[in-house]
Amino acid sequence: MELQGYVYIMASGRNGTLYVGATSDLAKRAWEHRNSVIEGFTKKYSCKLLVWYQPFESLEAARLREKQMKEWKRVWKVREIEMMNPNWDDLYDHIARP
């Protein structure tokens, strides 16, 4: 079964500004953030690094998790990032289509 939704965190840098989002196409959405295609928070604060993501079986489930995470304290989000990606590497190349 193919996963249909993702929650992700974009960052401006290690311990920088964070943005939590949800999407059905993680590679496309991360590319849009990286290339400042979308007006808004990530463009304004230069959140271009995909530092964390979690797949879900549905976009609805991903959006529910996104809503929960947007209420989280920053320290909780940082902990999630560092459990998956301790060096705050840009994960875009891991998920981008060739």
PDB file of N, CA and C in Angstrom:
ATOM      1  N   MET A   1       0.846  -1.192   0.000  1.00  0.00           N
ATOM      2  CA  MET A   1       0.000   0.000   0.000  1.00  0.00           C
ATOM      3  C   MET A   1       0.884   1.245   0.000  1.00  0.00           C
ATOM      4  N   GLU A   2       0.607   2.146  -0.910  1.00  0.00           N
ATOM      5  CA  GLU A   2       1.375   3.378  -0.999  1.00  0.00           C
ATOM      6  C   GLU A   2       0.861   4.388   0.028  1.00  0.00           C
ATOM      7  N   LEU A   3       1.795   5.048   0.673  1.00  0.00           N
ATOM      8  CA  LEU A   3       1.415   6.055   1.661  1.00  0.00           C
ATOM      9  C   LEU A   3       0.894   7.295   0.953  1.00  0.00           C
ATOM     10  N   GLN A   4      -0.072   7.936   1.572  1.00  0.00           N
ATOM     11  CA  GLN A   4      -0.761   9.038   0.921  1.00  0.00           C
ATOM     12  C   GLN A   4      -0.555  10.398   1.579  1.00  0.00           C
ATOM     13  N   GLY A   5       0.152  10.434   2.699  1.00  0.00           N
ATOM     14  CA  GLY A   5       0.339  11.711   3.371  1.00  0.00           C
ATOM     15  C   GLY A   5       1.638  11.754   4.153  1.00  0.00           C
ATOM     16  N   TYR A   6       2.128  12.961   4.348  1.00  0.00           N
ATOM     17  CA  TYR A   6       3.365  13.175   5.100  1.00  0.00           C
ATOM     18  C   TYR A   6       3.222  14.418   5.959  1.00  0.00           C
ATOM     19  N   VAL A   7       3.790  14.365   7.140  1.00  0.00           N
ATOM     20  CA  VAL A   7       4.030  15.559   7.941  1.00  0.00           C
ATOM     21  C   VAL A   7       5.520  15.794   7.836  1.00  0.00           C
ATOM     22  N   TYR A   8       5.918  17.055   7.734  1.00  0.00           N
ATOM     23  CA  TYR A   8       7.334  17.350   7.554  1.00  0.00           C
ATOM     24  C   TYR A   8       7.701  18.623   8.305  1.00  0.00           C
ATOM     25  N   ILE A   9       8.997  18.773   8.550  1.00  0.00           N
ATOM     26  CA  ILE A   9       9.517  19.995   9.163  1.00  0.00           C
ATOM     27  C   ILE A   9      10.602  20.545   8.258  1.00  0.00           C
ATOM     28  N   MET A  10      10.463  21.804   7.892  1.00  0.00           N
ATOM     29  CA  MET A  10      11.482  22.546   7.162  1.00  0.00           C
ATOM     30  C   MET A  10      12.165  23.467   8.169  1.00  0.00           C
ATOM     31  N   ALA A  11      13.460  23.709   7.968  1.00  0.00           N
ATOM     32  CA  ALA A  11      14.218  24.571   8.876  1.00  0.00           C
ATOM     33  C   ALA A  11      15.090  25.533   8.078  1.00  0.00           C
ATOM     34  N   SER A  12      15.404  26.660   8.706  1.00  0.00           N
ATOM     35  CA  SER A  12      16.310  27.624   8.078  1.00  0.00           C
ATOM     36  C   SER A  12      17.766  27.225   8.304  1.00  0.00           C
ATOM     37  N   GLY A  13      18.000  26.348   9.252  1.00  0.00           N
ATOM     38  CA  GLY A  13      19.342  25.874   9.580  1.00  0.00           C
ATOM     39  C   GLY A  13      19.273  25.115  10.892  1.00  0.00           C
ATOM     40  N   ARG A  14      20.400  24.616  11.337  1.00  0.00           N
ATOM     41  CA  ARG A  14      20.431  23.887  12.605  1.00  0.00           C
ATOM     42  C   ARG A  14      19.940  24.803  13.720  1.00  0.00           C
ATOM     43  N   ASN A  15      18.934  24.338  14.443  1.00  0.00           N
ATOM     44  CA  ASN A  15      18.312  25.110  15.521  1.00  0.00           C
ATOM     45  C   ASN A  15      17.760  26.451  15.044  1.00  0.00           C
ATOM     46  N   GLY A  16      17.441  26.550  13.767  1.00  0.00           N
ATOM     47  CA  GLY A  16      16.886  27.782  13.213  1.00  0.00           C
ATOM     48  C   GLY A  16      15.368  27.795  13.280  1.00  0.00           C
ATOM     49  N   THR A  17      14.773  28.620  12.448  1.00  0.00           N
ATOM     50  CA  THR A  17      13.325  28.727  12.358  1.00  0.00           C
ATOM     51  C   THR A  17      12.761  27.432  11.799  1.00  0.00           C
ATOM     52  N   LEU A  18      11.644  26.972  12.380  1.00  0.00           N
ATOM     53  CA  LEU A  18      11.015  25.719  11.977  1.00  0.00           C
ATOM     54  C   LEU A  18       9.629  25.957  11.396  1.00  0.00           C
ATOM     55  N   TYR A  19       9.273  25.126  10.431  1.00  0.00           N
ATOM     56  CA  TYR A  19       7.943  25.141   9.834  1.00  0.00           C
ATOM     57  C   TYR A  19       7.430  23.716   9.756  1.00  0.00           C
ATOM     58  N   VAL A  20       6.226  23.479  10.254  1.00  0.00           N
ATOM     59  CA  VAL A  20       5.594  22.163  10.186  1.00  0.00           C
ATOM     60  C   VAL A  20       4.501  22.209   9.128  1.00  0.00           C
ATOM     61  N   GLY A  21       4.497  21.226   8.231  1.00  0.00           N
ATOM     62  CA  GLY A  21       3.489  21.173   7.187  1.00  0.00           C
ATOM     63  C   GLY A  21       3.043  19.748   6.916  1.00  0.00           C
ATOM     64  N   ALA A  22       2.012  19.604   6.082  1.00  0.00           N
ATOM     65  CA  ALA A  22       1.516  18.297   5.654  1.00  0.00           C
ATOM     66  C   ALA A  22       1.273  18.348   4.150  1.00  0.00           C
ATOM     67  N   THR A  23       1.469  17.207   3.502  1.00  0.00           N
ATOM     68  CA  THR A  23       1.314  17.150   2.054  1.00  0.00           C
ATOM     69  C   THR A  23       1.080  15.718   1.595  1.00  0.00           C
ATOM     70  N   SER A  24       0.591  15.582   0.376  1.00  0.00           N
ATOM     71  CA  SER A  24       0.460  14.255  -0.226  1.00  0.00           C
ATOM     72  C   SER A  24       1.658  13.948  -1.128  1.00  0.00           C
ATOM     73  N   ASP A  25       2.466  14.947  -1.452  1.00  0.00           N
ATOM     74  CA  ASP A  25       3.630  14.768  -2.328  1.00  0.00           C
ATOM     75  C   ASP A  25       4.829  15.472  -1.688  1.00  0.00           C
ATOM     76  N   LEU A  26       5.555  14.735  -0.862  1.00  0.00           N
ATOM     77  CA  LEU A  26       6.640  15.330  -0.083  1.00  0.00           C
ATOM     78  C   LEU A  26       7.759  15.878  -0.961  1.00  0.00           C
ATOM     79  N   ALA A  27       8.160  15.162  -1.982  1.00  0.00           N
ATOM     80  CA  ALA A  27       9.251  15.628  -2.845  1.00  0.00           C
ATOM     81  C   ALA A  27       8.882  16.949  -3.520  1.00  0.00           C
ATOM     82  N   LYS A  28       7.681  17.032  -4.060  1.00  0.00           N
ATOM     83  CA  LYS A  28       7.236  18.256  -4.736  1.00  0.00           C
ATOM     84  C   LYS A  28       7.153  19.419  -3.750  1.00  0.00           C
ATOM     85  N   ARG A  29       6.567  19.177  -2.594  1.00  0.00           N
ATOM     86  CA  ARG A  29       6.379  20.252  -1.618  1.00  0.00           C
ATOM     87  C   ARG A  29       7.717  20.743  -1.073  1.00  0.00           C
ATOM     88  N   ALA A  30       8.635  19.822  -0.776  1.00  0.00           N
ATOM     89  CA  ALA A  30       9.953  20.228  -0.289  1.00  0.00           C
ATOM     90  C   ALA A  30      10.684  21.041  -1.358  1.00  0.00           C
ATOM     91  N   TRP A  31      10.575  20.631  -2.631  1.00  0.00           N
ATOM     92  CA  TRP A  31      11.188  21.378  -3.728  1.00  0.00           C
ATOM     93  C   TRP A  31      10.628  22.801  -3.786  1.00  0.00           C
ATOM     94  N   GLU A  32       9.314  22.926  -3.620  1.00  0.00           N
ATOM     95  CA  GLU A  32       8.691  24.257  -3.647  1.00  0.00           C
ATOM     96  C   GLU A  32       9.232  25.143  -2.532  1.00  0.00           C
ATOM     97  N   HIS A  33       9.383  24.580  -1.336  1.00  0.00           N
ATOM     98  CA  HIS A  33       9.949  25.361  -0.224  1.00  0.00           C
ATOM     99  C   HIS A  33      11.406  25.719  -0.520  1.00  0.00           C
ATOM    100  N   ARG A  34      12.193  24.773  -0.976  1.00  0.00           N
ATOM    101  CA  ARG A  34      13.620  24.986  -1.247  1.00  0.00           C
ATOM    102  C   ARG A  34      13.846  26.080  -2.278  1.00  0.00           C
ATOM    103  N   ASN A  35      12.943  26.170  -3.231  1.00  0.00           N
ATOM    104  CA  ASN A  35      13.094  27.118  -4.330  1.00  0.00           C
ATOM    105  C   ASN A  35      12.239  28.370  -4.171  1.00  0.00           C
ATOM    106  N   SER A  36      11.688  28.572  -2.973  1.00  0.00           N
ATOM    107  CA  SER A  36      10.898  29.774  -2.646  1.00  0.00           C
ATOM    108  C   SER A  36       9.781  30.036  -3.645  1.00  0.00           C
ATOM    109  N   VAL A  37       9.144  28.969  -4.114  1.00  0.00           N
ATOM    110  CA  VAL A  37       8.049  29.073  -5.077  1.00  0.00           C
ATOM    111  C   VAL A  37       6.778  29.567  -4.396  1.00  0.00           C
ATOM    112  N   ILE A  38       6.634  29.250  -3.119  1.00  0.00           N
ATOM    113  CA  ILE A  38       5.406  29.556  -2.398  1.00  0.00           C
ATOM    114  C   ILE A  38       5.607  30.760  -1.488  1.00  0.00           C
ATOM    115  N   GLU A  39       4.736  31.736  -1.633  1.00  0.00           N
ATOM    116  CA  GLU A  39       4.770  32.894  -0.743  1.00  0.00           C
ATOM    117  C   GLU A  39       4.363  32.457   0.653  1.00  0.00           C
ATOM    118  N   GLY A  40       4.902  33.089   1.647  1.00  0.00           N
ATOM    119  CA  GLY A  40       4.487  32.794   3.005  1.00  0.00           C
ATOM    120  C   GLY A  40       5.651  32.603   3.955  1.00  0.00           C
ATOM    121  N   PHE A  41       5.372  31.870   5.011  1.00  0.00           N
ATOM    122  CA  PHE A  41       6.296  31.717   6.132  1.00  0.00           C
ATOM    123  C   PHE A  41       7.654  31.164   5.718  1.00  0.00           C
ATOM    124  N   THR A  42       7.668  30.055   4.973  1.00  0.00           N
ATOM    125  CA  THR A  42       8.954  29.428   4.648  1.00  0.00           C
ATOM    126  C   THR A  42       9.805  30.305   3.742  1.00  0.00           C
ATOM    127  N   LYS A  43       9.177  31.044   2.857  1.00  0.00           N
ATOM    128  CA  LYS A  43       9.931  31.962   1.999  1.00  0.00           C
ATOM    129  C   LYS A  43      10.454  33.132   2.827  1.00  0.00           C
ATOM    130  N   LYS A  44       9.614  33.685   3.671  1.00  0.00           N
ATOM    131  CA  LYS A  44       9.996  34.835   4.491  1.00  0.00           C
ATOM    132  C   LYS A  44      11.156  34.513   5.427  1.00  0.00           C
ATOM    133  N   TYR A  45      11.130  33.309   6.015  1.00  0.00           N
ATOM    134  CA  TYR A  45      12.141  32.932   7.004  1.00  0.00           C
ATOM    135  C   TYR A  45      13.192  31.969   6.448  1.00  0.00           C
ATOM    136  N   SER A  46      13.205  31.784   5.132  1.00  0.00           N
ATOM    137  CA  SER A  46      14.209  30.977   4.449  1.00  0.00           C
ATOM    138  C   SER A  46      14.324  29.549   5.001  1.00  0.00           C
ATOM    139  N   CYS A  47      13.175  28.918   5.211  1.00  0.00           N
ATOM    140  CA  CYS A  47      13.139  27.524   5.685  1.00  0.00           C
ATOM    141  C   CYS A  47      13.239  26.621   4.462  1.00  0.00           C
ATOM    142  N   LYS A  48      14.453  26.246   4.100  1.00  0.00           N
ATOM    143  CA  LYS A  48      14.696  25.504   2.866  1.00  0.00           C
ATOM    144  C   LYS A  48      15.207  24.094   3.084  1.00  0.00           C
ATOM    145  N   LEU A  49      15.472  23.723   4.323  1.00  0.00           N
ATOM    146  CA  LEU A  49      16.020  22.400   4.615  1.00  0.00           C
ATOM    147  C   LEU A  49      14.931  21.464   5.120  1.00  0.00           C
ATOM    148  N   LEU A  50      14.764  20.340   4.464  1.00  0.00           N
ATOM    149  CA  LEU A  50      13.844  19.305   4.948  1.00  0.00           C
ATOM    150  C   LEU A  50      14.610  18.509   6.000  1.00  0.00           C
ATOM    151  N   VAL A  51      14.250  18.694   7.272  1.00  0.00           N
ATOM    152  CA  VAL A  51      15.024  18.086   8.354  1.00  0.00           C
ATOM    153  C   VAL A  51      14.303  16.924   9.039  1.00  0.00           C
ATOM    154  N   TRP A  52      13.015  16.745   8.762  1.00  0.00           N
ATOM    155  CA  TRP A  52      12.248  15.675   9.405  1.00  0.00           C
ATOM    156  C   TRP A  52      10.985  15.419   8.593  1.00  0.00           C
ATOM    157  N   TYR A  53      10.556  14.159   8.559  1.00  0.00           N
ATOM    158  CA  TYR A  53       9.255  13.838   7.959  1.00  0.00           C
ATOM    159  C   TYR A  53       8.753  12.519   8.513  1.00  0.00           C
ATOM    160  N   GLN A  54       7.445  12.333   8.407  1.00  0.00           N
ATOM    161  CA  GLN A  54       6.808  11.101   8.871  1.00  0.00           C
ATOM    162  C   GLN A  54       5.700  10.749   7.883  1.00  0.00           C
ATOM    163  N   PRO A  55       5.711   9.519   7.347  1.00  0.00           N
ATOM    164  CA  PRO A  55       4.661   9.099   6.415  1.00  0.00           C
ATOM    165  C   PRO A  55       3.401   8.635   7.148  1.00  0.00           C
ATOM    166  N   PHE A  56       2.265   8.793   6.480  1.00  0.00           N
ATOM    167  CA  PHE A  56       0.965   8.362   6.993  1.00  0.00           C
ATOM    168  C   PHE A  56       0.191   7.668   5.888  1.00  0.00           C
ATOM    169  N   GLU A  57      -0.765   6.856   6.273  1.00  0.00           N
ATOM    170  CA  GLU A  57      -1.575   6.130   5.292  1.00  0.00           C
ATOM    171  C   GLU A  57      -2.552   7.036   4.559  1.00  0.00           C
ATOM    172  N   SER A  58      -2.870   8.202   5.135  1.00  0.00           N
ATOM    173  CA  SER A  58      -3.797   9.115   4.476  1.00  0.00           C
ATOM    174  C   SER A  58      -3.364  10.559   4.730  1.00  0.00           C
ATOM    175  N   LEU A  59      -3.775  11.434   3.828  1.00  0.00           N
ATOM    176  CA  LEU A  59      -3.500  12.857   4.005  1.00  0.00           C
ATOM    177  C   LEU A  59      -4.266  13.385   5.216  1.00  0.00           C
ATOM    178  N   GLU A  60      -5.451  12.859   5.438  1.00  0.00           N
ATOM    179  CA  GLU A  60      -6.252  13.270   6.602  1.00  0.00           C
ATOM    180  C   GLU A  60      -5.490  12.982   7.904  1.00  0.00           C
ATOM    181  N   ALA A  61      -4.884  11.802   8.012  1.00  0.00           N
ATOM    182  CA  ALA A  61      -4.109  11.451   9.207  1.00  0.00           C
ATOM    183  C   ALA A  61      -2.892  12.359   9.343  1.00  0.00           C
ATOM    184  N   ALA A  62      -2.247  12.668   8.214  1.00  0.00           N
ATOM    185  CA  ALA A  62      -1.089  13.571   8.241  1.00  0.00           C
ATOM    186  C   ALA A  62      -1.489  14.964   8.699  1.00  0.00           C
ATOM    187  N   ARG A  63      -2.617  15.452   8.216  1.00  0.00           N
ATOM    188  CA  ARG A  63      -3.077  16.792   8.611  1.00  0.00           C
ATOM    189  C   ARG A  63      -3.440  16.853  10.091  1.00  0.00           C
ATOM    190  N   LEU A  64      -3.998  15.780  10.607  1.00  0.00           N
ATOM    191  CA  LEU A  64      -4.307  15.730  12.037  1.00  0.00           C
ATOM    192  C   LEU A  64      -3.017  15.816  12.855  1.00  0.00           C
ATOM    193  N   ARG A  65      -1.994  15.054  12.441  1.00  0.00           N
ATOM    194  CA  ARG A  65      -0.711  15.083  13.143  1.00  0.00           C
ATOM    195  C   ARG A  65      -0.056  16.460  13.017  1.00  0.00           C
ATOM    196  N   GLU A  66      -0.143  17.073  11.829  1.00  0.00           N
ATOM    197  CA  GLU A  66       0.399  18.422  11.624  1.00  0.00           C
ATOM    198  C   GLU A  66      -0.233  19.399  12.616  1.00  0.00           C
ATOM    199  N   LYS A  67      -1.546  19.336  12.733  1.00  0.00           N
ATOM    200  CA  LYS A  67      -2.257  20.238  13.644  1.00  0.00           C
ATOM    201  C   LYS A  67      -1.777  20.041  15.081  1.00  0.00           C
ATOM    202  N   GLN A  68      -1.584  18.789  15.484  1.00  0.00           N
ATOM    203  CA  GLN A  68      -1.079  18.509  16.831  1.00  0.00           C
ATOM    204  C   GLN A  68       0.323  19.079  17.007  1.00  0.00           C
ATOM    205  N   MET A  69       1.188  18.851  16.023  1.00  0.00           N
ATOM    206  CA  MET A  69       2.579  19.290  16.139  1.00  0.00           C
ATOM    207  C   MET A  69       2.723  20.799  16.136  1.00  0.00           C
ATOM    208  N   LYS A  70       1.834  21.498  15.470  1.00  0.00           N
ATOM    209  CA  LYS A  70       1.898  22.960  15.468  1.00  0.00           C
ATOM    210  C   LYS A  70       1.625  23.530  16.856  1.00  0.00           C
ATOM    211  N   GLU A  71       0.999  22.733  17.715  1.00  0.00           N
ATOM    212  CA  GLU A  71       0.739  23.141  19.099  1.00  0.00           C
ATOM    213  C   GLU A  71       1.894  22.779  20.039  1.00  0.00           C
ATOM    214  N   TRP A  72       2.821  21.985  19.570  1.00  0.00           N
ATOM    215  CA  TRP A  72       3.932  21.521  20.386  1.00  0.00           C
ATOM    216  C   TRP A  72       4.878  22.658  20.748  1.00  0.00           C
ATOM    217  N   LYS A  73       5.551  22.497  21.858  1.00  0.00           N
ATOM    218  CA  LYS A  73       6.646  23.390  22.222  1.00  0.00           C
ATOM    219  C   LYS A  73       7.804  23.132  21.262  1.00  0.00           C
ATOM    220  N   ARG A  74       8.601  24.156  21.046  1.00  0.00           N
ATOM    221  CA  ARG A  74       9.745  24.046  20.139  1.00  0.00           C
ATOM    222  C   ARG A  74      10.677  22.904  20.542  1.00  0.00           C
ATOM    223  N   VAL A  75      10.934  22.765  21.826  1.00  0.00           N
ATOM    224  CA  VAL A  75      11.862  21.727  22.300  1.00  0.00           C
ATOM    225  C   VAL A  75      11.392  20.333  21.887  1.00  0.00           C
ATOM    226  N   TRP A  76      10.088  20.099  21.825  1.00  0.00           N
ATOM    227  CA  TRP A  76       9.562  18.802  21.407  1.00  0.00           C
ATOM    228  C   TRP A  76       9.845  18.572  19.920  1.00  0.00           C
ATOM    229  N   LYS A  77       9.679  19.624  19.115  1.00  0.00           N
ATOM    230  CA  LYS A  77       9.957  19.506  17.678  1.00  0.00           C
ATOM    231  C   LYS A  77      11.443  19.243  17.444  1.00  0.00           C
ATOM    232  N   VAL A  78      12.293  19.943  18.168  1.00  0.00           N
ATOM    233  CA  VAL A  78      13.738  19.744  18.041  1.00  0.00           C
ATOM    234  C   VAL A  78      14.104  18.312  18.424  1.00  0.00           C
ATOM    235  N   ARG A  79      13.496  17.791  19.468  1.00  0.00           N
ATOM    236  CA  ARG A  79      13.760  16.418  19.894  1.00  0.00           C
ATOM    237  C   ARG A  79      13.372  15.431  18.783  1.00  0.00           C
ATOM    238  N   GLU A  80      12.222  15.642  18.142  1.00  0.00           N
ATOM    239  CA  GLU A  80      11.793  14.777  17.029  1.00  0.00           C
ATOM    240  C   GLU A  80      12.813  14.821  15.893  1.00  0.00           C
ATOM    241  N   ILE A  81      13.246  16.018  15.542  1.00  0.00           N
ATOM    242  CA  ILE A  81      14.234  16.170  14.468  1.00  0.00           C
ATOM    243  C   ILE A  81      15.505  15.411  14.822  1.00  0.00           C
ATOM    244  N   GLU A  82      16.010  15.628  16.026  1.00  0.00           N
ATOM    245  CA  GLU A  82      17.300  15.057  16.398  1.00  0.00           C
ATOM    246  C   GLU A  82      17.256  13.547  16.594  1.00  0.00           C
ATOM    247  N   MET A  83      16.074  12.978  16.861  1.00  0.00           N
ATOM    248  CA  MET A  83      15.970  11.521  16.931  1.00  0.00           C
ATOM    249  C   MET A  83      16.106  10.911  15.532  1.00  0.00           C
ATOM    250  N   MET A  84      15.544  11.569  14.526  1.00  0.00           N
ATOM    251  CA  MET A  84      15.594  11.060  13.155  1.00  0.00           C
ATOM    252  C   MET A  84      16.848  11.534  12.415  1.00  0.00           C
ATOM    253  N   ASN A  85      17.263  12.755  12.714  1.00  0.00           N
ATOM    254  CA  ASN A  85      18.282  13.433  11.910  1.00  0.00           C
ATOM    255  C   ASN A  85      19.191  14.256  12.827  1.00  0.00           C
ATOM    256  N   PRO A  86      20.054  13.591  13.606  1.00  0.00           N
ATOM    257  CA  PRO A  86      20.844  14.282  14.624  1.00  0.00           C
ATOM    258  C   PRO A  86      21.754  15.387  14.088  1.00  0.00           C
ATOM    259  N   ASN A  87      22.140  15.313  12.814  1.00  0.00           N
ATOM    260  CA  ASN A  87      23.016  16.341  12.242  1.00  0.00           C
ATOM    261  C   ASN A  87      22.258  17.438  11.497  1.00  0.00           C
ATOM    262  N   TRP A  88      20.940  17.363  11.517  1.00  0.00           N
ATOM    263  CA  TRP A  88      20.096  18.327  10.818  1.00  0.00           C
ATOM    264  C   TRP A  88      20.447  18.378   9.326  1.00  0.00           C
ATOM    265  N   ASP A  89      20.736  17.214   8.747  1.00  0.00           N
ATOM    266  CA  ASP A  89      21.026  17.146   7.320  1.00  0.00           C
ATOM    267  C   ASP A  89      19.771  17.479   6.521  1.00  0.00           C
ATOM    268  N   ASP A  90      19.972  17.991   5.319  1.00  0.00           N
ATOM    269  CA  ASP A  90      18.847  18.215   4.414  1.00  0.00           C
ATOM    270  C   ASP A  90      18.468  16.855   3.821  1.00  0.00           C
ATOM    271  N   LEU A  91      17.267  16.394   4.095  1.00  0.00           N
ATOM    272  CA  LEU A  91      16.819  15.070   3.670  1.00  0.00           C
ATOM    273  C   LEU A  91      16.211  15.061   2.273  1.00  0.00           C
ATOM    274  N   TYR A  92      16.202  16.200   1.615  1.00  0.00           N
ATOM    275  CA  TYR A  92      15.559  16.297   0.306  1.00  0.00           C
ATOM    276  C   TYR A  92      16.102  15.269  -0.680  1.00  0.00           C
ATOM    277  N   ASP A  93      17.415  15.092  -0.739  1.00  0.00           N
ATOM    278  CA  ASP A  93      18.002  14.150  -1.694  1.00  0.00           C
ATOM    279  C   ASP A  93      17.577  12.711  -1.421  1.00  0.00           C
ATOM    280  N   HIS A  94      17.175  12.414  -0.201  1.00  0.00           N
ATOM    281  CA  HIS A  94      16.740  11.067   0.155  1.00  0.00           C
ATOM    282  C   HIS A  94      15.331  10.759  -0.374  1.00  0.00           C
ATOM    283  N   ILE A  95      14.538  11.808  -0.604  1.00  0.00           N
ATOM    284  CA  ILE A  95      13.154  11.589  -1.013  1.00  0.00           C
ATOM    285  C   ILE A  95      12.860  12.083  -2.424  1.00  0.00           C
ATOM    286  N   ALA A  96      13.777  12.857  -3.016  1.00  0.00           N
ATOM    287  CA  ALA A  96      13.544  13.437  -4.348  1.00  0.00           C
ATOM    288  C   ALA A  96      13.568  12.352  -5.405  1.00  0.00           C
ATOM    289  N   ARG A  97      12.734  12.525  -6.380  1.00  0.00           N
ATOM    290  CA  ARG A  97      12.711  11.597  -7.519  1.00  0.00           C
ATOM    291  C   ARG A  97      13.881  11.907  -8.431  1.00  0.00           C
ATOM    292  N   PRO A  98      14.458  10.873  -9.037  1.00  0.00           N
ATOM    293  CA  PRO A  98      15.601  11.099  -9.952  1.00  0.00           C
ATOM    294  C   PRO A  98      15.189  11.857 -11.204  1.00  0.00           C
TER     295      PRO A  98
END
